[in-house]
Amino acid sequence: DLHKAIRRQRQMCIRDSNIFYEDDMSKIIKSVHKLVTEGKMSAKSIATAVHKPYSTLLRETNPYAPGAKLGVETFMDIIKATGDTRPLELMVQELGYRLTPVE
């Protein structure tokens, strides 16, 4: 029912003393998934660059794969490999900060 769905969506995830709601985490994972599947760099090239099998990368970044988890190391490797910081910017924004590059 609707109330159960809302409760599930608002369950908190605590990571390193920061609180994210599952819907916030879902936005971030969806952003990574879009980067991997629709970005300028092919998903196979990203998989090679981050030293992951292609199928594992797709599963880890799939926001709808039950039980799949994207590790922070892989997250950072994807950002570094692609040069696309949008998922990181979204995460920082969800925490109430801004991301600015070091000059």
PDB file of N, CA and C in Angstrom:
ATOM      1  N   ASP A   1       0.829  -1.187   0.000  1.00  0.00           N
ATOM      2  CA  ASP A   1       0.000   0.000   0.000  1.00  0.00           C
ATOM      3  C   ASP A   1       0.870   1.245   0.000  1.00  0.00           C
ATOM      4  N   LEU A   2       0.268   2.389  -0.164  1.00  0.00           N
ATOM      5  CA  LEU A   2       0.985   3.657  -0.300  1.00  0.00           C
ATOM      6  C   LEU A   2       1.822   3.969   0.938  1.00  0.00           C
ATOM      7  N   HIS A   3       1.273   3.736   2.127  1.00  0.00           N
ATOM      8  CA  HIS A   3       2.006   4.049   3.354  1.00  0.00           C
ATOM      9  C   HIS A   3       3.263   3.203   3.496  1.00  0.00           C
ATOM     10  N   LYS A   4       3.189   1.939   3.133  1.00  0.00           N
ATOM     11  CA  LYS A   4       4.373   1.075   3.187  1.00  0.00           C
ATOM     12  C   LYS A   4       5.428   1.547   2.200  1.00  0.00           C
ATOM     13  N   ALA A   5       4.982   1.945   1.022  1.00  0.00           N
ATOM     14  CA  ALA A   5       5.914   2.426  -0.008  1.00  0.00           C
ATOM     15  C   ALA A   5       6.624   3.685   0.461  1.00  0.00           C
ATOM     16  N   ILE A   6       5.900   4.581   1.090  1.00  0.00           N
ATOM     17  CA  ILE A   6       6.510   5.820   1.585  1.00  0.00           C
ATOM     18  C   ILE A   6       7.514   5.506   2.687  1.00  0.00           C
ATOM     19  N   ARG A   7       7.155   4.607   3.609  1.00  0.00           N
ATOM     20  CA  ARG A   7       8.082   4.235   4.683  1.00  0.00           C
ATOM     21  C   ARG A   7       9.355   3.622   4.117  1.00  0.00           C
ATOM     22  N   ARG A   8       9.211   2.728   3.147  1.00  0.00           N
ATOM     23  CA  ARG A   8      10.380   2.103   2.528  1.00  0.00           C
ATOM     24  C   ARG A   8      11.259   3.148   1.860  1.00  0.00           C
ATOM     25  N   GLN A   9      10.630   4.076   1.176  1.00  0.00           N
ATOM     26  CA  GLN A   9      11.382   5.087   0.441  1.00  0.00           C
ATOM     27  C   GLN A   9      12.142   6.000   1.391  1.00  0.00           C
ATOM     28  N   ARG A  10      11.616   6.249   2.571  1.00  0.00           N
ATOM     29  CA  ARG A  10      12.231   7.189   3.489  1.00  0.00           C
ATOM     30  C   ARG A  10      13.151   6.531   4.514  1.00  0.00           C
ATOM     31  N   GLN A  11      13.336   5.198   4.423  1.00  0.00           N
ATOM     32  CA  GLN A  11      14.251   4.541   5.352  1.00  0.00           C
ATOM     33  C   GLN A  11      15.634   5.148   5.188  1.00  0.00           C
ATOM     34  N   MET A  12      16.295   5.348   6.293  1.00  0.00           N
ATOM     35  CA  MET A  12      17.590   6.007   6.259  1.00  0.00           C
ATOM     36  C   MET A  12      18.721   5.016   6.059  1.00  0.00           C
ATOM     37  N   CYS A  13      19.736   5.478   5.365  1.00  0.00           N
ATOM     38  CA  CYS A  13      20.984   4.745   5.239  1.00  0.00           C
ATOM     39  C   CYS A  13      22.038   5.630   5.903  1.00  0.00           C
ATOM     40  N   ILE A  14      22.823   5.076   6.788  1.00  0.00           N
ATOM     41  CA  ILE A  14      23.851   5.866   7.448  1.00  0.00           C
ATOM     42  C   ILE A  14      25.196   5.403   6.913  1.00  0.00           C
ATOM     43  N   ARG A  15      25.941   6.332   6.393  1.00  0.00           N
ATOM     44  CA  ARG A  15      27.261   6.053   5.831  1.00  0.00           C
ATOM     45  C   ARG A  15      28.234   7.080   6.402  1.00  0.00           C
ATOM     46  N   ASP A  16      29.227   6.634   7.160  1.00  0.00           N
ATOM     47  CA  ASP A  16      30.262   7.507   7.711  1.00  0.00           C
ATOM     48  C   ASP A  16      29.669   8.752   8.371  1.00  0.00           C
ATOM     49  N   SER A  17      28.708   8.569   9.235  1.00  0.00           N
ATOM     50  CA  SER A  17      28.051   9.630   9.997  1.00  0.00           C
ATOM     51  C   SER A  17      27.204  10.567   9.146  1.00  0.00           C
ATOM     52  N   ASN A  18      27.041  10.291   7.868  1.00  0.00           N
ATOM     53  CA  ASN A  18      26.164  11.090   7.016  1.00  0.00           C
ATOM     54  C   ASN A  18      24.883  10.315   6.792  1.00  0.00           C
ATOM     55  N   ILE A  19      23.778  11.003   6.803  1.00  0.00           N
ATOM     56  CA  ILE A  19      22.488  10.343   6.626  1.00  0.00           C
ATOM     57  C   ILE A  19      21.986  10.621   5.228  1.00  0.00           C
ATOM     58  N   PHE A  20      21.702   9.559   4.498  1.00  0.00           N
ATOM     59  CA  PHE A  20      21.078   9.631   3.187  1.00  0.00           C
ATOM     60  C   PHE A  20      19.754   8.900   3.302  1.00  0.00           C
ATOM     61  N   TYR A  21      18.756   9.373   2.656  1.00  0.00           N
ATOM     62  CA  TYR A  21      17.538   8.597   2.536  1.00  0.00           C
ATOM     63  C   TYR A  21      17.678   7.716   1.315  1.00  0.00           C
ATOM     64  N   GLU A  22      17.017   6.563   1.321  1.00  0.00           N
ATOM     65  CA  GLU A  22      17.149   5.629   0.211  1.00  0.00           C
ATOM     66  C   GLU A  22      16.816   6.277  -1.116  1.00  0.00           C
ATOM     67  N   ASP A  23      15.827   7.185  -1.139  1.00  0.00           N
ATOM     68  CA  ASP A  23      15.504   7.830  -2.403  1.00  0.00           C
ATOM     69  C   ASP A  23      16.660   8.704  -2.878  1.00  0.00           C
ATOM     70  N   ASP A  24      17.420   9.312  -1.938  1.00  0.00           N
ATOM     71  CA  ASP A  24      18.594  10.099  -2.314  1.00  0.00           C
ATOM     72  C   ASP A  24      19.666   9.186  -2.895  1.00  0.00           C
ATOM     73  N   MET A  25      19.895   8.040  -2.252  1.00  0.00           N
ATOM     74  CA  MET A  25      20.881   7.093  -2.746  1.00  0.00           C
ATOM     75  C   MET A  25      20.470   6.581  -4.120  1.00  0.00           C
ATOM     76  N   SER A  26      19.187   6.349  -4.294  1.00  0.00           N
ATOM     77  CA  SER A  26      18.686   5.864  -5.574  1.00  0.00           C
ATOM     78  C   SER A  26      18.978   6.875  -6.681  1.00  0.00           C
ATOM     79  N   LYS A  27      18.827   8.160  -6.389  1.00  0.00           N
ATOM     80  CA  LYS A  27      19.126   9.202  -7.376  1.00  0.00           C
ATOM     81  C   LYS A  27      20.597   9.126  -7.788  1.00  0.00           C
ATOM     82  N   ILE A  28      21.455   8.915  -6.812  1.00  0.00           N
ATOM     83  CA  ILE A  28      22.894   8.870  -7.089  1.00  0.00           C
ATOM     84  C   ILE A  28      23.228   7.635  -7.926  1.00  0.00           C
ATOM     85  N   ILE A  29      22.698   6.485  -7.548  1.00  0.00           N
ATOM     86  CA  ILE A  29      22.948   5.257  -8.308  1.00  0.00           C
ATOM     87  C   ILE A  29      22.369   5.382  -9.714  1.00  0.00           C
ATOM     88  N   LYS A  30      21.190   5.973  -9.840  1.00  0.00           N
ATOM     89  CA  LYS A  30      20.602   6.181 -11.172  1.00  0.00           C
ATOM     90  C   LYS A  30      21.497   7.082 -12.014  1.00  0.00           C
ATOM     91  N   SER A  31      22.094   8.089 -11.384  1.00  0.00           N
ATOM     92  CA  SER A  31      23.001   8.985 -12.094  1.00  0.00           C
ATOM     93  C   SER A  31      24.241   8.236 -12.582  1.00  0.00           C
ATOM     94  N   VAL A  32      24.786   7.361 -11.741  1.00  0.00           N
ATOM     95  CA  VAL A  32      25.948   6.552 -12.138  1.00  0.00           C
ATOM     96  C   VAL A  32      25.554   5.599 -13.263  1.00  0.00           C
ATOM     97  N   HIS A  33      24.396   4.978 -13.126  1.00  0.00           N
ATOM     98  CA  HIS A  33      23.914   4.048 -14.158  1.00  0.00           C
ATOM     99  C   HIS A  33      23.764   4.766 -15.508  1.00  0.00           C
ATOM    100  N   LYS A  34      23.208   5.951 -15.477  1.00  0.00           N
ATOM    101  CA  LYS A  34      23.041   6.720 -16.714  1.00  0.00           C
ATOM    102  C   LYS A  34      24.406   7.077 -17.305  1.00  0.00           C
ATOM    103  N   LEU A  35      25.345   7.455 -16.457  1.00  0.00           N
ATOM    104  CA  LEU A  35      26.693   7.766 -16.921  1.00  0.00           C
ATOM    105  C   LEU A  35      27.327   6.556 -17.596  1.00  0.00           C
ATOM    106  N   VAL A  36      27.171   5.382 -16.979  1.00  0.00           N
ATOM    107  CA  VAL A  36      27.771   4.165 -17.522  1.00  0.00           C
ATOM    108  C   VAL A  36      27.085   3.728 -18.813  1.00  0.00           C
ATOM    109  N   THR A  37      25.770   3.824 -18.857  1.00  0.00           N
ATOM    110  CA  THR A  37      25.039   3.287 -20.008  1.00  0.00           C
ATOM    111  C   THR A  37      24.795   4.296 -21.129  1.00  0.00           C
ATOM    112  N   GLU A  38      24.830   5.588 -20.812  1.00  0.00           N
ATOM    113  CA  GLU A  38      24.511   6.595 -21.826  1.00  0.00           C
ATOM    114  C   GLU A  38      25.577   7.678 -21.982  1.00  0.00           C
ATOM    115  N   GLY A  39      26.685   7.548 -21.258  1.00  0.00           N
ATOM    116  CA  GLY A  39      27.725   8.574 -21.285  1.00  0.00           C
ATOM    117  C   GLY A  39      28.531   8.559 -22.570  1.00  0.00           C
ATOM    118  N   LYS A  40      29.476   9.471 -22.642  1.00  0.00           N
ATOM    119  CA  LYS A  40      30.332   9.595 -23.822  1.00  0.00           C
ATOM    120  C   LYS A  40      31.256   8.391 -23.987  1.00  0.00           C
ATOM    121  N   MET A  41      31.614   7.783 -22.873  1.00  0.00           N
ATOM    122  CA  MET A  41      32.500   6.610 -22.889  1.00  0.00           C
ATOM    123  C   MET A  41      31.620   5.357 -22.833  1.00  0.00           C
ATOM    124  N   SER A  42      31.941   4.365 -23.610  1.00  0.00           N
ATOM    125  CA  SER A  42      31.118   3.152 -23.629  1.00  0.00           C
ATOM    126  C   SER A  42      31.234   2.401 -22.307  1.00  0.00           C
ATOM    127  N   ALA A  43      30.194   1.672 -21.971  1.00  0.00           N
ATOM    128  CA  ALA A  43      30.182   0.885 -20.737  1.00  0.00           C
ATOM    129  C   ALA A  43      31.309  -0.144 -20.734  1.00  0.00           C
ATOM    130  N   LYS A  44      31.600  -0.731 -21.875  1.00  0.00           N
ATOM    131  CA  LYS A  44      32.689  -1.716 -21.950  1.00  0.00           C
ATOM    132  C   LYS A  44      34.040  -1.060 -21.690  1.00  0.00           C
ATOM    133  N   SER A  45      34.222   0.158 -22.193  1.00  0.00           N
ATOM    134  CA  SER A  45      35.471   0.885 -21.946  1.00  0.00           C
ATOM    135  C   SER A  45      35.598   1.266 -20.477  1.00  0.00           C
ATOM    136  N   ILE A  46      34.487   1.659 -19.876  1.00  0.00           N
ATOM    137  CA  ILE A  46      34.496   1.992 -18.448  1.00  0.00           C
ATOM    138  C   ILE A  46      34.837   0.748 -17.638  1.00  0.00           C
ATOM    139  N   ALA A  47      34.228  -0.380 -17.968  1.00  0.00           N
ATOM    140  CA  ALA A  47      34.498  -1.636 -17.261  1.00  0.00           C
ATOM    141  C   ALA A  47      35.982  -1.973 -17.317  1.00  0.00           C
ATOM    142  N   THR A  48      36.577  -1.831 -18.475  1.00  0.00           N
ATOM    143  CA  THR A  48      38.011  -2.094 -18.626  1.00  0.00           C
ATOM    144  C   THR A  48      38.821  -1.128 -17.769  1.00  0.00           C
ATOM    145  N   ALA A  49      38.461   0.144 -17.798  1.00  0.00           N
ATOM    146  CA  ALA A  49      39.198   1.171 -17.060  1.00  0.00           C
ATOM    147  C   ALA A  49      39.117   0.974 -15.538  1.00  0.00           C
ATOM    148  N   VAL A  50      38.000   0.450 -15.058  1.00  0.00           N
ATOM    149  CA  VAL A  50      37.833   0.265 -13.606  1.00  0.00           C
ATOM    150  C   VAL A  50      38.133  -1.170 -13.169  1.00  0.00           C
ATOM    151  N   HIS A  51      38.630  -1.966 -14.118  1.00  0.00           N
ATOM    152  CA  HIS A  51      39.041  -3.347 -13.829  1.00  0.00           C
ATOM    153  C   HIS A  51      37.900  -4.204 -13.278  1.00  0.00           C
ATOM    154  N   LYS A  52      36.755  -4.110 -13.954  1.00  0.00           N
ATOM    155  CA  LYS A  52      35.578  -4.902 -13.587  1.00  0.00           C
ATOM    156  C   LYS A  52      35.093  -5.627 -14.828  1.00  0.00           C
ATOM    157  N   PRO A  53      34.579  -6.838 -14.677  1.00  0.00           N
ATOM    158  CA  PRO A  53      33.901  -7.451 -15.814  1.00  0.00           C
ATOM    159  C   PRO A  53      32.699  -6.578 -16.199  1.00  0.00           C
ATOM    160  N   TYR A  54      32.450  -6.501 -17.479  1.00  0.00           N
ATOM    161  CA  TYR A  54      31.347  -5.684 -18.007  1.00  0.00           C
ATOM    162  C   TYR A  54      30.029  -5.997 -17.305  1.00  0.00           C
ATOM    163  N   SER A  55      29.695  -7.278 -17.170  1.00  0.00           N
ATOM    164  CA  SER A  55      28.423  -7.665 -16.551  1.00  0.00           C
ATOM    165  C   SER A  55      28.362  -7.256 -15.078  1.00  0.00           C
ATOM    166  N   THR A  56      29.487  -7.323 -14.381  1.00  0.00           N
ATOM    167  CA  THR A  56      29.534  -6.915 -12.972  1.00  0.00           C
ATOM    168  C   THR A  56      29.307  -5.416 -12.844  1.00  0.00           C
ATOM    169  N   LEU A  57      29.953  -4.651 -13.706  1.00  0.00           N
ATOM    170  CA  LEU A  57      29.768  -3.193 -13.682  1.00  0.00           C
ATOM    171  C   LEU A  57      28.310  -2.832 -13.923  1.00  0.00           C
ATOM    172  N   LEU A  58      27.696  -3.458 -14.905  1.00  0.00           N
ATOM    173  CA  LEU A  58      26.291  -3.159 -15.190  1.00  0.00           C
ATOM    174  C   LEU A  58      25.388  -3.541 -14.022  1.00  0.00           C
ATOM    175  N   ARG A  59      25.672  -4.660 -13.384  1.00  0.00           N
ATOM    176  CA  ARG A  59      24.854  -5.079 -12.246  1.00  0.00           C
ATOM    177  C   ARG A  59      25.049  -4.140 -11.061  1.00  0.00           C
ATOM    178  N   GLU A  60      26.293  -3.787 -10.760  1.00  0.00           N
ATOM    179  CA  GLU A  60      26.578  -2.919  -9.615  1.00  0.00           C
ATOM    180  C   GLU A  60      26.002  -1.521  -9.778  1.00  0.00           C
ATOM    181  N   THR A  61      25.874  -1.059 -11.003  1.00  0.00           N
ATOM    182  CA  THR A  61      25.347   0.286 -11.236  1.00  0.00           C
ATOM    183  C   THR A  61      23.866   0.296 -11.577  1.00  0.00           C
ATOM    184  N   ASN A  62      23.253  -0.884 -11.600  1.00  0.00           N
ATOM    185  CA  ASN A  62      21.828  -0.973 -11.925  1.00  0.00           C
ATOM    186  C   ASN A  62      21.004  -0.664 -10.683  1.00  0.00           C
ATOM    187  N   PRO A  63      20.252   0.453 -10.683  1.00  0.00           N
ATOM    188  CA  PRO A  63      19.478   0.813  -9.493  1.00  0.00           C
ATOM    189  C   PRO A  63      18.325  -0.147  -9.213  1.00  0.00           C
ATOM    190  N   TYR A  64      18.011  -1.024 -10.147  1.00  0.00           N
ATOM    191  CA  TYR A  64      16.891  -1.950  -9.986  1.00  0.00           C
ATOM    192  C   TYR A  64      17.334  -3.386  -9.701  1.00  0.00           C
ATOM    193  N   ALA A  65      18.643  -3.619  -9.611  1.00  0.00           N
ATOM    194  CA  ALA A  65      19.159  -4.965  -9.341  1.00  0.00           C
ATOM    195  C   ALA A  65      19.092  -5.230  -7.840  1.00  0.00           C
ATOM    196  N   PRO A  66      18.272  -6.179  -7.428  1.00  0.00           N
ATOM    197  CA  PRO A  66      18.153  -6.454  -5.996  1.00  0.00           C
ATOM    198  C   PRO A  66      19.472  -6.961  -5.419  1.00  0.00           C
ATOM    199  N   GLY A  67      19.885  -6.357  -4.331  1.00  0.00           N
ATOM    200  CA  GLY A  67      21.095  -6.786  -3.649  1.00  0.00           C
ATOM    201  C   GLY A  67      22.398  -6.279  -4.240  1.00  0.00           C
ATOM    202  N   ALA A  68      22.357  -5.642  -5.397  1.00  0.00           N
ATOM    203  CA  ALA A  68      23.585  -5.135  -6.010  1.00  0.00           C
ATOM    204  C   ALA A  68      24.033  -3.879  -5.280  1.00  0.00           C
ATOM    205  N   LYS A  69      25.336  -3.761  -5.091  1.00  0.00           N
ATOM    206  CA  LYS A  69      25.877  -2.609  -4.381  1.00  0.00           C
ATOM    207  C   LYS A  69      27.032  -2.025  -5.191  1.00  0.00           C
ATOM    208  N   LEU A  70      27.090  -0.710  -5.211  1.00  0.00           N
ATOM    209  CA  LEU A  70      28.187  -0.010  -5.860  1.00  0.00           C
ATOM    210  C   LEU A  70      29.133   0.474  -4.766  1.00  0.00           C
ATOM    211  N   GLY A  71      30.344  -0.023  -4.784  1.00  0.00           N
ATOM    212  CA  GLY A  71      31.337   0.382  -3.783  1.00  0.00           C
ATOM    213  C   GLY A  71      31.880   1.766  -4.081  1.00  0.00           C
ATOM    214  N   VAL A  72      32.343   2.428  -3.035  1.00  0.00           N
ATOM    215  CA  VAL A  72      32.867   3.783  -3.188  1.00  0.00           C
ATOM    216  C   VAL A  72      34.113   3.793  -4.078  1.00  0.00           C
ATOM    217  N   GLU A  73      34.925   2.726  -4.020  1.00  0.00           N
ATOM    218  CA  GLU A  73      36.116   2.676  -4.868  1.00  0.00           C
ATOM    219  C   GLU A  73      35.718   2.638  -6.347  1.00  0.00           C
ATOM    220  N   THR A  74      34.731   1.815  -6.657  1.00  0.00           N
ATOM    221  CA  THR A  74      34.259   1.732  -8.044  1.00  0.00           C
ATOM    222  C   THR A  74      33.621   3.042  -8.470  1.00  0.00           C
ATOM    223  N   PHE A  75      32.845   3.646  -7.569  1.00  0.00           N
ATOM    224  CA  PHE A  75      32.237   4.949  -7.839  1.00  0.00           C
ATOM    225  C   PHE A  75      33.324   5.954  -8.237  1.00  0.00           C
ATOM    226  N   MET A  76      34.376   6.040  -7.425  1.00  0.00           N
ATOM    227  CA  MET A  76      35.456   6.989  -7.714  1.00  0.00           C
ATOM    228  C   MET A  76      36.200   6.613  -8.993  1.00  0.00           C
ATOM    229  N   ASP A  77      36.420   5.325  -9.221  1.00  0.00           N
ATOM    230  CA  ASP A  77      37.089   4.890 -10.451  1.00  0.00           C
ATOM    231  C   ASP A  77      36.282   5.274 -11.691  1.00  0.00           C
ATOM    232  N   ILE A  78      34.962   5.172 -11.608  1.00  0.00           N
ATOM    233  CA  ILE A  78      34.097   5.562 -12.736  1.00  0.00           C
ATOM    234  C   ILE A  78      34.224   7.061 -12.997  1.00  0.00           C
ATOM    235  N   ILE A  79      34.207   7.862 -11.930  1.00  0.00           N
ATOM    236  CA  ILE A  79      34.346   9.316 -12.066  1.00  0.00           C
ATOM    237  C   ILE A  79      35.702   9.641 -12.712  1.00  0.00           C
ATOM    238  N   LYS A  80      36.761   9.007 -12.208  1.00  0.00           N
ATOM    239  CA  LYS A  80      38.099   9.265 -12.748  1.00  0.00           C
ATOM    240  C   LYS A  80      38.215   8.832 -14.208  1.00  0.00           C
ATOM    241  N   ALA A  81      37.696   7.652 -14.528  1.00  0.00           N
ATOM    242  CA  ALA A  81      37.811   7.116 -15.889  1.00  0.00           C
ATOM    243  C   ALA A  81      37.051   7.965 -16.901  1.00  0.00           C
ATOM    244  N   THR A  82      35.873   8.422 -16.513  1.00  0.00           N
ATOM    245  CA  THR A  82      35.028   9.164 -17.462  1.00  0.00           C
ATOM    246  C   THR A  82      35.279  10.661 -17.432  1.00  0.00           C
ATOM    247  N   GLY A  83      35.784  11.157 -16.311  1.00  0.00           N
ATOM    248  CA  GLY A  83      35.946  12.601 -16.152  1.00  0.00           C
ATOM    249  C   GLY A  83      34.617  13.311 -15.928  1.00  0.00           C
ATOM    250  N   ASP A  84      33.560  12.542 -15.733  1.00  0.00           N
ATOM    251  CA  ASP A  84      32.214  13.096 -15.555  1.00  0.00           C
ATOM    252  C   ASP A  84      31.889  13.104 -14.061  1.00  0.00           C
ATOM    253  N   THR A  85      31.779  14.286 -13.496  1.00  0.00           N
ATOM    254  CA  THR A  85      31.570  14.418 -12.048  1.00  0.00           C
ATOM    255  C   THR A  85      30.099  14.579 -11.653  1.00  0.00           C
ATOM    256  N   ARG A  86      29.179  14.443 -12.592  1.00  0.00           N
ATOM    257  CA  ARG A  86      27.766  14.670 -12.256  1.00  0.00           C
ATOM    258  C   ARG A  86      27.254  13.797 -11.105  1.00  0.00           C
ATOM    259  N   PRO A  87      27.573  12.501 -11.048  1.00  0.00           N
ATOM    260  CA  PRO A  87      27.108  11.720  -9.888  1.00  0.00           C
ATOM    261  C   PRO A  87      27.689  12.226  -8.563  1.00  0.00           C
ATOM    262  N   LEU A  88      28.952  12.623  -8.585  1.00  0.00           N
ATOM    263  CA  LEU A  88      29.582  13.165  -7.387  1.00  0.00           C
ATOM    264  C   LEU A  88      28.948  14.498  -7.008  1.00  0.00           C
ATOM    265  N   GLU A  89      28.686  15.332  -7.990  1.00  0.00           N
ATOM    266  CA  GLU A  89      28.024  16.615  -7.737  1.00  0.00           C
ATOM    267  C   GLU A  89      26.652  16.397  -7.116  1.00  0.00           C
ATOM    268  N   LEU A  90      25.915  15.415  -7.592  1.00  0.00           N
ATOM    269  CA  LEU A  90      24.603  15.104  -7.045  1.00  0.00           C
ATOM    270  C   LEU A  90      24.727  14.657  -5.586  1.00  0.00           C
ATOM    271  N   MET A  91      25.718  13.815  -5.296  1.00  0.00           N
ATOM    272  CA  MET A  91      25.915  13.354  -3.930  1.00  0.00           C
ATOM    273  C   MET A  91      26.223  14.532  -3.004  1.00  0.00           C
ATOM    274  N   VAL A  92      27.123  15.378  -3.435  1.00  0.00           N
ATOM    275  CA  VAL A  92      27.507  16.537  -2.638  1.00  0.00           C
ATOM    276  C   VAL A  92      26.302  17.456  -2.426  1.00  0.00           C
ATOM    277  N   GLN A  93      25.533  17.659  -3.460  1.00  0.00           N
ATOM    278  CA  GLN A  93      24.336  18.494  -3.379  1.00  0.00           C
ATOM    279  C   GLN A  93      23.329  17.900  -2.384  1.00  0.00           C
ATOM    280  N   GLU A  94      23.147  16.583  -2.393  1.00  0.00           N
ATOM    281  CA  GLU A  94      22.227  15.929  -1.465  1.00  0.00           C
ATOM    282  C   GLU A  94      22.658  16.141  -0.016  1.00  0.00           C
ATOM    283  N   LEU A  95      23.952  16.341   0.197  1.00  0.00           N
ATOM    284  CA  LEU A  95      24.473  16.601   1.541  1.00  0.00           C
ATOM    285  C   LEU A  95      24.437  18.079   1.900  1.00  0.00           C
ATOM    286  N   GLY A  96      24.051  18.915   0.935  1.00  0.00           N
ATOM    287  CA  GLY A  96      23.952  20.342   1.195  1.00  0.00           C
ATOM    288  C   GLY A  96      25.232  21.117   0.945  1.00  0.00           C
ATOM    289  N   TYR A  97      26.112  20.567   0.120  1.00  0.00           N
ATOM    290  CA  TYR A  97      27.371  21.232  -0.202  1.00  0.00           C
ATOM    291  C   TYR A  97      27.463  21.501  -1.695  1.00  0.00           C
ATOM    292  N   ARG A  98      28.536  22.199  -2.074  1.00  0.00           N
ATOM    293  CA  ARG A  98      28.827  22.430  -3.482  1.00  0.00           C
ATOM    294  C   ARG A  98      30.193  21.833  -3.794  1.00  0.00           C
ATOM    295  N   LEU A  99      30.327  21.336  -4.987  1.00  0.00           N
ATOM    296  CA  LEU A  99      31.603  20.777  -5.438  1.00  0.00           C
ATOM    297  C   LEU A  99      32.292  21.823  -6.300  1.00  0.00           C
ATOM    298  N   THR A 100      33.501  22.169  -5.937  1.00  0.00           N
ATOM    299  CA  THR A 100      34.259  23.110  -6.757  1.00  0.00           C
ATOM    300  C   THR A 100      35.625  22.514  -7.038  1.00  0.00           C
ATOM    301  N   PRO A 101      36.072  22.624  -8.280  1.00  0.00           N
ATOM    302  CA  PRO A 101      37.373  22.048  -8.628  1.00  0.00           C
ATOM    303  C   PRO A 101      38.534  22.854  -8.031  1.00  0.00           C
ATOM    304  N   VAL A 102      39.617  22.154  -7.721  1.00  0.00           N
ATOM    305  CA  VAL A 102      40.834  22.798  -7.260  1.00  0.00           C
ATOM    306  C   VAL A 102      41.519  23.371  -8.484  1.00  0.00           C
ATOM    307  N   GLU A 103      41.910  24.593  -8.395  1.00  0.00           N
ATOM    308  CA  GLU A 103      42.541  25.246  -9.555  1.00  0.00           C
ATOM    309  C   GLU A 103      44.033  25.110  -9.518  1.00  0.00           C
TER     310      GLU A 103
END
